Amino acid sequence: MNELLGHVMGAGFPLDRRDIIHLFIGGSQLHGAKVHGYDDLDIYGCFIEPPTHILGIRAIDHFV
């Protein structure tokens, strides 16, 4: 998970890394259909919003 977490944080995830509770690889690699030479990495996950976000005091943009 540390490698995936590094990718997510490096891409600019707007919250603290401790807020992420689950990450996994999806897409063609998950299904065993990854084609050599096409180096895309599809990472999916779940995170828990801090109280300020849950209460609507601060907004979080969709993160892709």
Protein backbone atom coordinates (compact mmCIF):
# COMPACT_ATOMS: atom_id res chain seq x y z
CA MET A 1 0.00 0.00 0.00
CA ASN A 2 2.91 2.38 0.60
CA GLU A 3 3.74 2.45 -3.11
CA LEU A 4 0.13 3.20 -4.05
CA LEU A 5 -0.07 5.82 -1.30
CA GLY A 6 3.04 7.48 -2.74
CA HIS A 7 1.39 7.68 -6.16
CA VAL A 8 -1.81 9.17 -4.73
CA MET A 9 -0.04 11.74 -2.57
CA GLY A 10 2.33 12.62 -5.42
CA ALA A 11 -0.67 13.30 -7.66
CA GLY A 12 -1.88 15.96 -5.23
CA PHE A 13 -4.46 14.27 -2.99
CA PRO A 14 -5.79 17.25 -0.98
CA LEU A 15 -6.10 15.58 2.44
CA ASP A 16 -3.70 13.96 4.86
CA ARG A 17 -2.46 10.46 4.02
CA ARG A 18 -3.90 9.23 7.34
CA ASP A 19 -7.40 9.93 5.98
CA ILE A 20 -7.02 7.20 3.33
CA ILE A 21 -8.34 3.87 4.59
CA HIS A 22 -8.16 1.67 1.48
CA LEU A 23 -6.38 1.70 -1.88
CA PHE A 24 -6.32 -0.84 -4.68
CA ILE A 25 -5.27 -1.17 -8.30
CA GLY A 26 -8.13 -1.30 -10.79
CA GLY A 27 -8.60 -1.16 -14.51
CA SER A 28 -6.91 -3.55 -16.92
CA GLN A 29 -4.24 -4.54 -14.41
CA LEU A 30 -6.89 -5.72 -11.92
CA HIS A 31 -8.46 -7.91 -14.61
CA GLY A 32 -5.16 -9.31 -15.86
CA ALA A 33 -5.48 -7.59 -19.23
CA LYS A 34 -2.66 -5.04 -18.92
CA VAL A 35 -0.85 -4.57 -22.22
CA HIS A 36 2.94 -4.20 -22.03
CA GLY A 37 4.05 -0.72 -23.07
CA TYR A 38 0.94 1.05 -21.84
CA ASP A 39 1.96 2.28 -18.41
CA ASP A 40 -1.23 3.70 -16.96
CA LEU A 41 -2.00 2.97 -13.33
CA ASP A 42 -5.61 3.05 -12.17
CA ILE A 43 -5.81 3.46 -8.40
CA TYR A 44 -9.10 3.43 -6.53
CA GLY A 45 -9.69 3.98 -2.85
CA CYS A 46 -11.71 5.25 0.06
CA PHE A 47 -11.00 7.99 2.54
CA ILE A 48 -12.66 9.50 5.58
CA GLU A 49 -13.34 13.20 5.40
CA PRO A 50 -12.24 15.36 8.33
CA PRO A 51 -15.08 16.80 10.48
CA THR A 52 -14.77 20.26 8.88
CA HIS A 53 -15.56 18.71 5.51
CA ILE A 54 -18.37 16.48 6.77
CA LEU A 55 -20.10 19.44 8.43
CA GLY A 56 -19.85 21.48 5.25
CA ILE A 57 -17.51 24.10 6.69
CA ARG A 58 -14.92 23.31 4.03
CA ALA A 59 -15.51 21.71 0.64
CA ILE A 60 -13.38 19.11 -1.08
CA ASP A 61 -13.19 18.95 -4.84
CA HIS A 62 -13.55 15.65 -6.66
CA PHE A 63 -10.09 14.09 -6.93
CA VAL A 64 -9.13 12.17 -10.07
